[in-house]
């Protein structure tokens, strides 16, 4: 895989050169995205195993994710603090560009470089999930970007009706499914309404 175009695109998005930890993180993300996935089950009819091609998110997709994830809770000293989920007021705690998971809790503090490196890694990981979920279904770049943003936020690409509609080729129905994912902790969140509308628009092209 030619890495220079990827590094050039990410450098452009960041608006600066790379720090040493970011280079290592991006290399690792590219390796992970390009690695062969676990063997898939044989198709029950044809007996042929099909593996999805490696896909990457475009600049438009990354911009959409960054727009809605934001880089919240930056301190005057340049460090970034973790913040509680807006729906629960607590877990899962989030930091940087929407990063959650082990080790991220109240009081967690990262540098901007750590936030940017995690963003690169998380996007690559979610893109690989989406590629596996949609299989060989014809997918435009805009559709793929929208699905990755959706999965980045919901983690639901493997179970969502949206994914099934996309695999079936019913693009209109798939686009309409985005709006259903606008709730957290039992209530509709305005931020999720806006994000789903933006994703649906990107998906529809």
N, C-alpha and C. Protein backbone atom coordinates (compact mmCIF):
# COMPACT_ATOMS: atom_id res chain seq x y z
N UNK A 1 0.84 -1.19 0.00
CA UNK A 1 0.00 0.00 0.00
C UNK A 1 0.89 1.25 0.00
N UNK A 2 0.58 2.20 -0.93
CA UNK A 2 1.33 3.45 -0.97
C UNK A 2 0.85 4.36 0.15
N UNK A 3 1.73 4.72 1.06
CA UNK A 3 1.33 5.44 2.26
C UNK A 3 1.41 6.96 2.11
N UNK A 4 2.22 7.43 1.17
CA UNK A 4 2.42 8.87 1.07
C UNK A 4 1.12 9.64 0.85
N UNK A 5 0.21 9.17 -0.07
CA UNK A 5 -1.04 9.93 -0.24
C UNK A 5 -1.86 9.99 1.04
N UNK A 6 -1.83 8.92 1.84
CA UNK A 6 -2.58 8.92 3.09
C UNK A 6 -1.99 9.92 4.07
N UNK A 7 -0.65 9.88 4.21
CA UNK A 7 0.00 10.84 5.11
C UNK A 7 -0.23 12.27 4.65
N UNK A 8 -0.17 12.51 3.33
CA UNK A 8 -0.38 13.86 2.81
C UNK A 8 -1.80 14.35 3.11
N UNK A 9 -2.80 13.44 2.96
CA UNK A 9 -4.19 13.82 3.21
C UNK A 9 -4.42 14.15 4.68
N UNK A 10 -3.87 13.33 5.57
CA UNK A 10 -4.05 13.57 7.00
C UNK A 10 -3.30 14.83 7.43
N UNK A 11 -2.12 15.04 6.89
CA UNK A 11 -1.35 16.25 7.21
C UNK A 11 -2.14 17.50 6.81
N UNK A 12 -2.81 17.42 5.66
CA UNK A 12 -3.62 18.55 5.19
C UNK A 12 -4.78 18.80 6.13
N UNK A 13 -5.43 17.73 6.60
CA UNK A 13 -6.56 17.87 7.52
C UNK A 13 -6.12 18.47 8.85
N UNK A 14 -4.96 18.04 9.33
CA UNK A 14 -4.46 18.55 10.61
C UNK A 14 -3.97 19.98 10.50
N UNK A 15 -3.54 20.37 9.29
CA UNK A 15 -3.02 21.72 9.09
C UNK A 15 -1.63 21.92 9.65
N UNK A 16 -0.89 20.83 9.81
CA UNK A 16 0.47 20.92 10.35
C UNK A 16 1.21 19.62 10.05
N UNK A 17 2.49 19.61 10.38
CA UNK A 17 3.26 18.40 10.23
C UNK A 17 2.96 17.41 11.34
N UNK A 18 3.53 16.21 11.22
CA UNK A 18 3.29 15.16 12.20
C UNK A 18 4.30 15.22 13.35
N UNK A 19 3.82 14.85 14.53
CA UNK A 19 4.70 14.56 15.65
C UNK A 19 5.09 13.09 15.59
N UNK A 20 6.20 12.74 16.21
CA UNK A 20 6.68 11.36 16.14
C UNK A 20 5.63 10.34 16.57
N UNK A 21 4.90 10.55 17.69
CA UNK A 21 3.88 9.56 18.08
C UNK A 21 2.77 9.42 17.04
N UNK A 22 2.47 10.50 16.33
CA UNK A 22 1.41 10.45 15.34
C UNK A 22 1.83 9.62 14.13
N UNK A 23 3.09 9.71 13.75
CA UNK A 23 3.59 8.91 12.63
C UNK A 23 3.45 7.43 12.94
N UNK A 24 3.84 7.06 14.16
CA UNK A 24 3.75 5.65 14.56
C UNK A 24 2.29 5.20 14.59
N UNK A 25 1.40 6.07 15.11
CA UNK A 25 -0.01 5.71 15.21
C UNK A 25 -0.64 5.55 13.83
N UNK A 26 -0.30 6.45 12.90
CA UNK A 26 -0.85 6.37 11.55
C UNK A 26 -0.33 5.14 10.83
N UNK A 27 0.95 4.84 10.99
CA UNK A 27 1.52 3.62 10.41
C UNK A 27 0.77 2.38 10.91
N UNK A 28 0.51 2.36 12.23
CA UNK A 28 -0.18 1.22 12.82
C UNK A 28 -1.61 1.12 12.29
N UNK A 29 -2.28 2.26 12.12
CA UNK A 29 -3.65 2.26 11.62
C UNK A 29 -3.71 1.76 10.18
N UNK A 30 -2.74 2.18 9.36
CA UNK A 30 -2.69 1.72 7.97
C UNK A 30 -2.44 0.22 7.91
N UNK A 31 -1.53 -0.24 8.76
CA UNK A 31 -1.25 -1.68 8.81
C UNK A 31 -2.50 -2.46 9.20
N UNK A 32 -3.23 -1.93 10.21
CA UNK A 32 -4.42 -2.62 10.68
C UNK A 32 -5.50 -2.64 9.60
N UNK A 33 -5.65 -1.51 8.89
CA UNK A 33 -6.68 -1.44 7.86
C UNK A 33 -6.35 -2.34 6.68
N UNK A 34 -5.05 -2.53 6.43
CA UNK A 34 -4.65 -3.33 5.28
C UNK A 34 -4.48 -4.80 5.59
N UNK A 35 -4.55 -5.14 6.87
CA UNK A 35 -4.37 -6.55 7.24
C UNK A 35 -5.54 -7.39 6.76
N UNK A 36 -5.27 -8.63 6.44
CA UNK A 36 -6.34 -9.53 5.98
C UNK A 36 -7.29 -9.81 7.13
N UNK A 37 -8.60 -9.65 6.95
CA UNK A 37 -9.55 -9.94 8.01
C UNK A 37 -9.63 -11.44 8.27
N UNK A 38 -10.25 -11.79 9.38
CA UNK A 38 -10.43 -13.20 9.70
C UNK A 38 -11.24 -13.87 8.59
N UNK A 39 -10.98 -15.14 8.32
CA UNK A 39 -11.71 -15.85 7.26
C UNK A 39 -13.21 -15.72 7.45
N UNK A 40 -13.92 -15.47 6.35
CA UNK A 40 -15.36 -15.35 6.39
C UNK A 40 -16.00 -16.70 6.09
N UNK A 41 -17.20 -16.95 6.60
CA UNK A 41 -17.87 -18.23 6.31
C UNK A 41 -18.18 -18.36 4.84
N UNK A 42 -18.17 -19.59 4.34
CA UNK A 42 -18.50 -19.82 2.95
C UNK A 42 -19.96 -19.48 2.70
N UNK A 43 -20.19 -18.87 1.55
CA UNK A 43 -21.56 -18.56 1.17
C UNK A 43 -22.35 -19.87 1.06
N UNK A 44 -23.55 -19.88 1.63
CA UNK A 44 -24.32 -21.12 1.71
C UNK A 44 -24.77 -21.62 0.34
N UNK A 45 -24.77 -20.73 -0.66
CA UNK A 45 -25.22 -21.14 -1.99
C UNK A 45 -24.05 -21.44 -2.91
N UNK A 46 -23.11 -20.49 -3.00
CA UNK A 46 -22.03 -20.63 -3.96
C UNK A 46 -20.83 -21.36 -3.40
N UNK A 47 -20.67 -21.36 -2.06
CA UNK A 47 -19.50 -21.99 -1.47
C UNK A 47 -18.24 -21.18 -1.66
N UNK A 48 -18.40 -19.92 -2.05
CA UNK A 48 -17.24 -19.06 -2.29
C UNK A 48 -17.13 -18.05 -1.17
N UNK A 49 -15.93 -17.91 -0.64
CA UNK A 49 -15.70 -16.91 0.40
C UNK A 49 -15.34 -15.59 -0.26
N UNK A 50 -16.07 -14.54 0.08
CA UNK A 50 -15.77 -13.22 -0.47
C UNK A 50 -15.29 -12.32 0.65
N UNK A 51 -14.25 -11.56 0.37
CA UNK A 51 -13.69 -10.65 1.35
C UNK A 51 -13.82 -9.22 0.84
N UNK A 52 -14.29 -8.28 1.68
CA UNK A 52 -14.45 -6.91 1.23
C UNK A 52 -13.10 -6.25 0.97
N UNK A 53 -13.07 -5.41 -0.04
CA UNK A 53 -11.84 -4.67 -0.32
C UNK A 53 -11.60 -3.63 0.77
N UNK A 54 -10.34 -3.33 1.01
CA UNK A 54 -10.02 -2.31 1.99
C UNK A 54 -10.52 -0.96 1.50
N UNK A 55 -11.22 -0.24 2.36
CA UNK A 55 -11.74 1.07 2.01
C UNK A 55 -11.23 2.09 3.01
N UNK A 56 -11.09 3.31 2.57
CA UNK A 56 -10.66 4.38 3.47
C UNK A 56 -11.65 5.53 3.39
N UNK A 57 -11.67 6.34 4.43
CA UNK A 57 -12.58 7.48 4.52
C UNK A 57 -11.94 8.69 3.83
N UNK A 58 -12.74 9.41 3.08
CA UNK A 58 -12.23 10.58 2.37
C UNK A 58 -12.14 11.79 3.30
N UNK A 59 -11.58 12.85 2.76
CA UNK A 59 -11.46 14.10 3.52
C UNK A 59 -12.84 14.60 3.96
N UNK A 60 -13.85 14.45 3.08
CA UNK A 60 -15.20 14.90 3.43
C UNK A 60 -15.74 14.11 4.62
N UNK A 61 -15.48 12.81 4.64
CA UNK A 61 -15.95 12.00 5.75
C UNK A 61 -15.26 12.34 7.05
N UNK A 62 -13.95 12.55 7.00
CA UNK A 62 -13.20 12.91 8.20
C UNK A 62 -13.67 14.27 8.72
N UNK A 63 -13.92 15.19 7.81
CA UNK A 63 -14.39 16.52 8.21
C UNK A 63 -15.74 16.43 8.91
N UNK A 64 -16.63 15.57 8.41
CA UNK A 64 -17.94 15.42 9.04
C UNK A 64 -17.80 14.83 10.44
N UNK A 65 -16.97 13.83 10.58
CA UNK A 65 -16.77 13.22 11.89
C UNK A 65 -16.20 14.25 12.87
N UNK A 66 -15.18 14.99 12.44
CA UNK A 66 -14.57 15.99 13.33
C UNK A 66 -15.57 17.09 13.68
N UNK A 67 -16.42 17.44 12.73
CA UNK A 67 -17.40 18.51 12.96
C UNK A 67 -18.34 18.14 14.11
N UNK A 68 -18.81 16.92 14.12
CA UNK A 68 -19.79 16.54 15.13
C UNK A 68 -19.17 15.99 16.41
N UNK A 69 -18.00 15.40 16.32
CA UNK A 69 -17.35 14.94 17.54
C UNK A 69 -16.75 16.12 18.30
N UNK A 70 -16.22 17.08 17.55
CA UNK A 70 -15.61 18.24 18.17
C UNK A 70 -14.35 17.87 18.93
N UNK A 71 -13.68 18.85 19.42
CA UNK A 71 -12.53 18.64 20.30
C UNK A 71 -12.84 19.42 21.57
N UNK A 72 -13.75 18.88 22.35
CA UNK A 72 -14.31 19.59 23.49
C UNK A 72 -13.37 19.58 24.68
N UNK A 73 -13.61 20.51 25.59
CA UNK A 73 -12.93 20.59 26.88
C UNK A 73 -11.41 20.74 26.74
N UNK A 74 -11.02 21.68 25.85
CA UNK A 74 -9.60 22.04 25.76
C UNK A 74 -9.28 23.07 26.85
N UNK A 75 -8.20 22.84 27.54
CA UNK A 75 -7.81 23.74 28.60
C UNK A 75 -6.88 24.83 28.07
N UNK A 76 -6.67 25.85 28.86
CA UNK A 76 -5.80 26.95 28.45
C UNK A 76 -4.36 26.49 28.24
N UNK A 77 -3.97 25.41 28.91
CA UNK A 77 -2.61 24.91 28.74
C UNK A 77 -2.47 24.00 27.52
N UNK A 78 -3.55 23.86 26.73
CA UNK A 78 -3.50 23.06 25.51
C UNK A 78 -3.87 21.61 25.70
N UNK A 79 -4.01 21.15 26.93
CA UNK A 79 -4.41 19.77 27.18
C UNK A 79 -5.93 19.63 27.04
N UNK A 80 -6.37 18.40 26.84
CA UNK A 80 -7.79 18.12 26.60
C UNK A 80 -8.29 17.18 27.69
N UNK A 81 -9.43 17.52 28.29
CA UNK A 81 -9.98 16.72 29.38
C UNK A 81 -11.14 15.85 28.91
N UNK A 82 -11.33 14.71 29.58
CA UNK A 82 -12.48 13.84 29.31
C UNK A 82 -13.76 14.51 29.80
N UNK A 83 -14.88 14.18 29.16
CA UNK A 83 -16.17 14.75 29.55
C UNK A 83 -17.23 13.65 29.54
N UNK A 84 -18.32 13.81 30.32
CA UNK A 84 -19.34 12.78 30.42
C UNK A 84 -20.22 12.72 29.18
N UNK A 85 -20.83 11.57 28.95
CA UNK A 85 -21.76 11.40 27.84
C UNK A 85 -22.95 12.36 28.04
N UNK A 86 -23.34 13.09 26.97
CA UNK A 86 -24.44 14.06 27.13
C UNK A 86 -25.78 13.40 27.42
N UNK A 87 -25.92 12.14 27.02
CA UNK A 87 -27.18 11.47 27.26
C UNK A 87 -27.33 10.92 28.67
N UNK A 88 -26.20 10.46 29.26
CA UNK A 88 -26.26 9.84 30.58
C UNK A 88 -25.74 10.74 31.69
N UNK A 89 -24.94 11.75 31.30
CA UNK A 89 -24.31 12.59 32.32
C UNK A 89 -23.14 11.90 32.99
N UNK A 90 -22.74 10.74 32.47
CA UNK A 90 -21.63 9.98 33.03
C UNK A 90 -21.01 9.10 31.98
N UNK A 91 -20.96 7.80 32.26
CA UNK A 91 -20.36 6.85 31.32
C UNK A 91 -21.22 6.73 30.05
N UNK A 92 -20.58 6.49 28.88
CA UNK A 92 -19.14 6.40 28.71
C UNK A 92 -18.49 7.79 28.64
N UNK A 93 -17.39 7.96 29.36
CA UNK A 93 -16.64 9.20 29.29
C UNK A 93 -15.92 9.29 27.95
N UNK A 94 -15.82 10.50 27.44
CA UNK A 94 -15.29 10.74 26.10
C UNK A 94 -14.17 11.77 26.17
N UNK A 95 -13.21 11.63 25.26
CA UNK A 95 -12.12 12.59 25.21
C UNK A 95 -11.69 12.80 23.76
N UNK A 96 -11.16 13.97 23.47
CA UNK A 96 -10.67 14.25 22.12
C UNK A 96 -11.78 14.24 21.10
N UNK A 97 -11.53 13.54 19.99
CA UNK A 97 -12.48 13.47 18.89
C UNK A 97 -13.43 12.28 19.09
N UNK A 98 -14.11 12.23 20.23
CA UNK A 98 -15.10 11.20 20.47
C UNK A 98 -14.54 9.87 20.92
N UNK A 99 -13.33 9.85 21.45
CA UNK A 99 -12.73 8.58 21.89
C UNK A 99 -13.31 8.14 23.22
N UNK A 100 -13.67 6.85 23.29
CA UNK A 100 -14.16 6.25 24.53
C UNK A 100 -13.44 4.92 24.73
N UNK A 101 -13.65 4.30 25.88
CA UNK A 101 -13.08 2.98 26.09
C UNK A 101 -12.27 2.89 27.37
N UNK A 102 -11.57 1.77 27.55
CA UNK A 102 -10.78 1.55 28.76
C UNK A 102 -9.77 2.68 29.00
N UNK A 103 -9.67 3.12 30.23
CA UNK A 103 -8.70 4.15 30.58
C UNK A 103 -9.20 5.57 30.41
N UNK A 104 -10.41 5.72 29.84
CA UNK A 104 -10.99 7.06 29.66
C UNK A 104 -12.10 7.22 30.69
N UNK A 105 -11.87 8.12 31.62
CA UNK A 105 -12.82 8.31 32.73
C UNK A 105 -12.70 9.75 33.22
N UNK A 106 -13.47 10.08 34.25
CA UNK A 106 -13.37 11.41 34.84
C UNK A 106 -11.91 11.67 35.25
N UNK A 107 -11.39 12.83 34.84
CA UNK A 107 -10.03 13.20 35.18
C UNK A 107 -8.98 12.81 34.16
N UNK A 108 -9.35 12.04 33.11
CA UNK A 108 -8.39 11.69 32.06
C UNK A 108 -8.02 12.94 31.27
N UNK A 109 -6.73 13.13 31.01
CA UNK A 109 -6.24 14.28 30.28
C UNK A 109 -5.28 13.80 29.19
N UNK A 110 -5.46 14.31 27.96
CA UNK A 110 -4.58 13.96 26.84
C UNK A 110 -4.01 15.23 26.23
N UNK A 111 -2.91 15.07 25.49
CA UNK A 111 -2.39 16.15 24.66
C UNK A 111 -3.18 16.18 23.36
N UNK A 112 -3.05 17.28 22.62
CA UNK A 112 -3.71 17.36 21.31
C UNK A 112 -3.17 16.28 20.38
N UNK A 113 -1.87 16.00 20.47
CA UNK A 113 -1.28 14.97 19.62
C UNK A 113 -1.89 13.60 19.91
N UNK A 114 -2.14 13.31 21.16
CA UNK A 114 -2.78 12.04 21.52
C UNK A 114 -4.19 11.96 20.94
N UNK A 115 -4.91 13.07 21.01
CA UNK A 115 -6.28 13.11 20.47
C UNK A 115 -6.27 12.87 18.96
N UNK A 116 -5.37 13.53 18.25
CA UNK A 116 -5.31 13.39 16.79
C UNK A 116 -4.88 11.98 16.39
N UNK A 117 -3.92 11.41 17.12
CA UNK A 117 -3.48 10.05 16.81
C UNK A 117 -4.60 9.04 17.04
N UNK A 118 -5.35 9.22 18.11
CA UNK A 118 -6.46 8.31 18.38
C UNK A 118 -7.54 8.44 17.32
N UNK A 119 -7.78 9.66 16.84
CA UNK A 119 -8.77 9.87 15.78
C UNK A 119 -8.40 9.06 14.55
N UNK A 120 -7.15 9.12 14.14
CA UNK A 120 -6.69 8.38 12.96
C UNK A 120 -6.91 6.89 13.15
N UNK A 121 -6.55 6.40 14.31
CA UNK A 121 -6.70 4.97 14.59
C UNK A 121 -8.17 4.56 14.63
N UNK A 122 -9.01 5.37 15.28
CA UNK A 122 -10.43 5.03 15.41
C UNK A 122 -11.14 5.04 14.07
N UNK A 123 -10.81 6.01 13.21
CA UNK A 123 -11.45 6.06 11.90
C UNK A 123 -11.08 4.83 11.08
N UNK A 124 -9.81 4.44 11.11
CA UNK A 124 -9.39 3.24 10.37
C UNK A 124 -10.11 2.00 10.88
N UNK A 125 -10.25 1.89 12.19
CA UNK A 125 -10.91 0.73 12.78
C UNK A 125 -12.40 0.69 12.41
N UNK A 126 -13.06 1.83 12.47
CA UNK A 126 -14.49 1.85 12.13
C UNK A 126 -14.70 1.65 10.62
N UNK A 127 -13.77 2.14 9.81
CA UNK A 127 -13.87 1.92 8.37
C UNK A 127 -13.76 0.43 8.05
N UNK A 128 -12.88 -0.28 8.75
CA UNK A 128 -12.75 -1.72 8.54
C UNK A 128 -14.03 -2.45 8.95
N UNK A 129 -14.65 -2.01 10.04
CA UNK A 129 -15.92 -2.60 10.47
C UNK A 129 -17.00 -2.43 9.40
N UNK A 130 -17.07 -1.22 8.85
CA UNK A 130 -18.09 -0.94 7.84
C UNK A 130 -17.84 -1.77 6.58
N UNK A 131 -16.58 -1.87 6.17
CA UNK A 131 -16.25 -2.66 4.97
C UNK A 131 -16.69 -4.11 5.14
N UNK A 132 -16.48 -4.65 6.33
CA UNK A 132 -16.92 -6.03 6.58
C UNK A 132 -18.44 -6.14 6.58
N UNK A 133 -19.11 -5.14 7.15
CA UNK A 133 -20.57 -5.20 7.27
C UNK A 133 -21.28 -5.09 5.92
N UNK A 134 -20.75 -4.28 5.02
CA UNK A 134 -21.43 -4.08 3.73
C UNK A 134 -20.98 -5.08 2.68
N UNK A 135 -19.87 -5.79 2.95
CA UNK A 135 -19.41 -6.81 2.02
C UNK A 135 -19.14 -6.24 0.63
N UNK A 136 -19.67 -6.92 -0.39
CA UNK A 136 -19.40 -6.49 -1.76
C UNK A 136 -20.51 -5.63 -2.34
N UNK A 137 -21.38 -5.08 -1.49
CA UNK A 137 -22.44 -4.20 -1.98
C UNK A 137 -21.83 -2.97 -2.64
N UNK A 138 -22.28 -2.61 -3.84
CA UNK A 138 -21.76 -1.39 -4.48
C UNK A 138 -21.94 -0.19 -3.55
N UNK A 139 -20.86 0.56 -3.34
CA UNK A 139 -20.89 1.65 -2.36
C UNK A 139 -20.04 2.80 -2.86
N UNK A 140 -20.66 3.97 -3.00
CA UNK A 140 -19.91 5.15 -3.41
C UNK A 140 -19.07 5.66 -2.24
N UNK A 141 -18.15 6.57 -2.53
CA UNK A 141 -17.33 7.12 -1.46
C UNK A 141 -18.18 7.88 -0.44
N UNK A 142 -19.15 8.64 -0.93
CA UNK A 142 -20.02 9.38 -0.02
C UNK A 142 -20.84 8.46 0.87
N UNK A 143 -21.33 7.37 0.30
CA UNK A 143 -22.08 6.40 1.09
C UNK A 143 -21.20 5.77 2.16
N UNK A 144 -19.99 5.41 1.75
CA UNK A 144 -19.07 4.78 2.71
C UNK A 144 -18.72 5.75 3.83
N UNK A 145 -18.41 6.99 3.48
CA UNK A 145 -18.06 7.99 4.49
C UNK A 145 -19.21 8.17 5.49
N UNK A 146 -20.44 8.24 4.97
CA UNK A 146 -21.60 8.44 5.84
C UNK A 146 -21.79 7.25 6.78
N UNK A 147 -21.59 6.05 6.26
CA UNK A 147 -21.74 4.85 7.09
C UNK A 147 -20.67 4.78 8.17
N UNK A 148 -19.46 5.22 7.84
CA UNK A 148 -18.39 5.21 8.85
C UNK A 148 -18.70 6.23 9.94
N UNK A 149 -19.17 7.42 9.56
CA UNK A 149 -19.53 8.42 10.57
C UNK A 149 -20.65 7.89 11.46
N UNK A 150 -21.65 7.26 10.86
CA UNK A 150 -22.75 6.66 11.63
C UNK A 150 -22.22 5.63 12.62
N UNK A 151 -21.35 4.75 12.15
CA UNK A 151 -20.81 3.69 13.01
C UNK A 151 -19.89 4.27 14.07
N UNK A 152 -19.12 5.29 13.73
CA UNK A 152 -18.23 5.94 14.69
C UNK A 152 -19.02 6.45 15.89
N UNK A 153 -20.22 6.92 15.62
CA UNK A 153 -21.06 7.51 16.67
C UNK A 153 -21.93 6.47 17.39
N UNK A 154 -22.42 5.48 16.65
CA UNK A 154 -23.39 4.54 17.24
C UNK A 154 -22.81 3.16 17.55
N UNK A 155 -21.78 2.76 16.81
CA UNK A 155 -21.25 1.41 16.96
C UNK A 155 -22.21 0.34 16.49
N UNK A 156 -23.17 0.72 15.63
CA UNK A 156 -24.29 -0.19 15.32
C UNK A 156 -24.29 -0.72 13.89
N UNK A 157 -23.18 -0.59 13.17
CA UNK A 157 -23.21 -0.94 11.75
C UNK A 157 -23.57 -2.41 11.52
N UNK A 158 -23.21 -3.28 12.43
CA UNK A 158 -23.45 -4.71 12.22
C UNK A 158 -24.90 -5.11 12.43
N UNK A 159 -25.66 -4.31 13.15
CA UNK A 159 -27.04 -4.69 13.48
C UNK A 159 -28.11 -3.75 12.94
N UNK A 160 -27.71 -2.63 12.39
CA UNK A 160 -28.68 -1.62 11.96
C UNK A 160 -29.42 -2.04 10.70
N UNK A 161 -30.72 -1.75 10.67
CA UNK A 161 -31.51 -1.97 9.46
C UNK A 161 -30.94 -1.15 8.31
N UNK A 162 -30.36 -0.01 8.63
CA UNK A 162 -29.69 0.82 7.63
C UNK A 162 -28.70 0.00 6.80
N UNK A 163 -27.90 -0.81 7.47
CA UNK A 163 -26.90 -1.62 6.78
C UNK A 163 -27.56 -2.64 5.86
N UNK A 164 -28.62 -3.27 6.36
CA UNK A 164 -29.32 -4.27 5.54
C UNK A 164 -29.93 -3.61 4.31
N UNK A 165 -30.55 -2.45 4.48
CA UNK A 165 -31.12 -1.75 3.33
C UNK A 165 -30.04 -1.41 2.30
N UNK A 166 -28.88 -1.00 2.80
CA UNK A 166 -27.79 -0.67 1.88
C UNK A 166 -27.34 -1.91 1.11
N UNK A 167 -27.17 -3.03 1.82
CA UNK A 167 -26.73 -4.26 1.13
C UNK A 167 -27.77 -4.72 0.11
N UNK A 168 -29.04 -4.46 0.40
CA UNK A 168 -30.11 -4.84 -0.54
C UNK A 168 -30.17 -3.92 -1.75
N UNK A 169 -29.46 -2.80 -1.69
CA UNK A 169 -29.46 -1.87 -2.81
C UNK A 169 -30.58 -0.85 -2.77
N UNK A 170 -31.32 -0.79 -1.66
CA UNK A 170 -32.42 0.17 -1.53
C UNK A 170 -31.86 1.44 -0.89
N UNK A 171 -31.27 2.27 -1.70
CA UNK A 171 -30.58 3.46 -1.19
C UNK A 171 -31.54 4.47 -0.56
N UNK A 172 -32.72 4.62 -1.13
CA UNK A 172 -33.68 5.58 -0.57
C UNK A 172 -34.10 5.15 0.83
N UNK A 173 -34.38 3.86 1.01
CA UNK A 173 -34.76 3.37 2.33
C UNK A 173 -33.59 3.48 3.30
N UNK A 174 -32.39 3.20 2.82
CA UNK A 174 -31.21 3.30 3.69
C UNK A 174 -31.01 4.73 4.16
N UNK A 175 -31.14 5.69 3.25
CA UNK A 175 -30.97 7.10 3.62
C UNK A 175 -31.99 7.50 4.68
N UNK A 176 -33.22 6.95 4.58
CA UNK A 176 -34.25 7.28 5.54
C UNK A 176 -34.01 6.68 6.92
N UNK A 177 -33.15 5.65 7.01
CA UNK A 177 -32.89 5.00 8.28
C UNK A 177 -32.01 5.84 9.22
N UNK A 178 -31.20 6.73 8.66
CA UNK A 178 -30.31 7.53 9.51
C UNK A 178 -31.08 8.27 10.60
N UNK A 179 -32.20 8.87 10.21
CA UNK A 179 -32.96 9.72 11.13
C UNK A 179 -33.48 8.97 12.35
N UNK A 180 -33.58 7.65 12.26
CA UNK A 180 -34.12 6.88 13.38
C UNK A 180 -33.14 6.83 14.56
N UNK A 181 -31.86 7.10 14.29
CA UNK A 181 -30.83 6.99 15.33
C UNK A 181 -30.54 8.37 15.93
N UNK A 182 -31.56 8.94 16.57
CA UNK A 182 -31.43 10.30 17.09
C UNK A 182 -31.68 10.39 18.60
N UNK A 183 -31.67 9.23 19.28
CA UNK A 183 -32.02 9.22 20.70
C UNK A 183 -30.87 8.71 21.56
N UNK A 184 -30.85 9.18 22.78
CA UNK A 184 -29.90 8.70 23.79
C UNK A 184 -30.57 8.81 25.15
N UNK A 185 -30.46 7.75 25.93
CA UNK A 185 -31.07 7.72 27.27
C UNK A 185 -32.55 8.06 27.23
N UNK A 186 -33.24 7.58 26.19
CA UNK A 186 -34.69 7.73 26.11
C UNK A 186 -35.19 9.02 25.52
N UNK A 187 -34.28 9.93 25.17
CA UNK A 187 -34.74 11.20 24.62
C UNK A 187 -34.07 11.54 23.30
N UNK A 188 -34.73 12.36 22.50
CA UNK A 188 -34.17 12.83 21.24
C UNK A 188 -33.17 13.94 21.54
N UNK A 189 -31.96 13.85 20.97
CA UNK A 189 -30.94 14.87 21.15
C UNK A 189 -30.78 15.68 19.88
N UNK A 190 -30.83 17.00 20.01
CA UNK A 190 -30.73 17.88 18.84
C UNK A 190 -29.44 17.64 18.07
N UNK A 191 -28.35 17.39 18.78
CA UNK A 191 -27.08 17.15 18.12
C UNK A 191 -27.11 15.90 17.25
N UNK A 192 -27.80 14.87 17.73
CA UNK A 192 -27.92 13.64 16.94
C UNK A 192 -28.83 13.85 15.74
N UNK A 193 -29.86 14.66 15.89
CA UNK A 193 -30.74 14.97 14.77
C UNK A 193 -29.93 15.63 13.66
N UNK A 194 -29.09 16.60 14.04
CA UNK A 194 -28.28 17.31 13.05
C UNK A 194 -27.25 16.37 12.41
N UNK A 195 -26.65 15.53 13.22
CA UNK A 195 -25.63 14.63 12.67
C UNK A 195 -26.24 13.64 11.69
N UNK A 196 -27.38 13.05 12.07
CA UNK A 196 -28.01 12.08 11.18
C UNK A 196 -28.43 12.73 9.87
N UNK A 197 -28.89 13.99 9.94
CA UNK A 197 -29.28 14.68 8.70
C UNK A 197 -28.07 14.91 7.81
N UNK A 198 -26.94 15.26 8.41
CA UNK A 198 -25.72 15.49 7.64
C UNK A 198 -25.22 14.19 7.02
N UNK A 199 -25.29 13.10 7.78
CA UNK A 199 -24.86 11.80 7.26
C UNK A 199 -25.76 11.34 6.12
N UNK A 200 -27.07 11.53 6.28
CA UNK A 200 -28.01 11.13 5.23
C UNK A 200 -27.75 11.93 3.95
N UNK A 201 -27.46 13.23 4.11
CA UNK A 201 -27.18 14.06 2.95
C UNK A 201 -25.90 13.60 2.25
N UNK A 202 -24.88 13.27 3.01
CA UNK A 202 -23.63 12.78 2.42
C UNK A 202 -23.86 11.43 1.74
N UNK A 203 -24.64 10.59 2.37
CA UNK A 203 -24.96 9.27 1.81
C UNK A 203 -25.69 9.41 0.47
N UNK A 204 -26.66 10.31 0.42
CA UNK A 204 -27.49 10.49 -0.77
C UNK A 204 -26.73 11.19 -1.89
N UNK A 205 -25.61 11.84 -1.52
CA UNK A 205 -24.79 12.50 -2.53
C UNK A 205 -25.39 13.79 -3.04
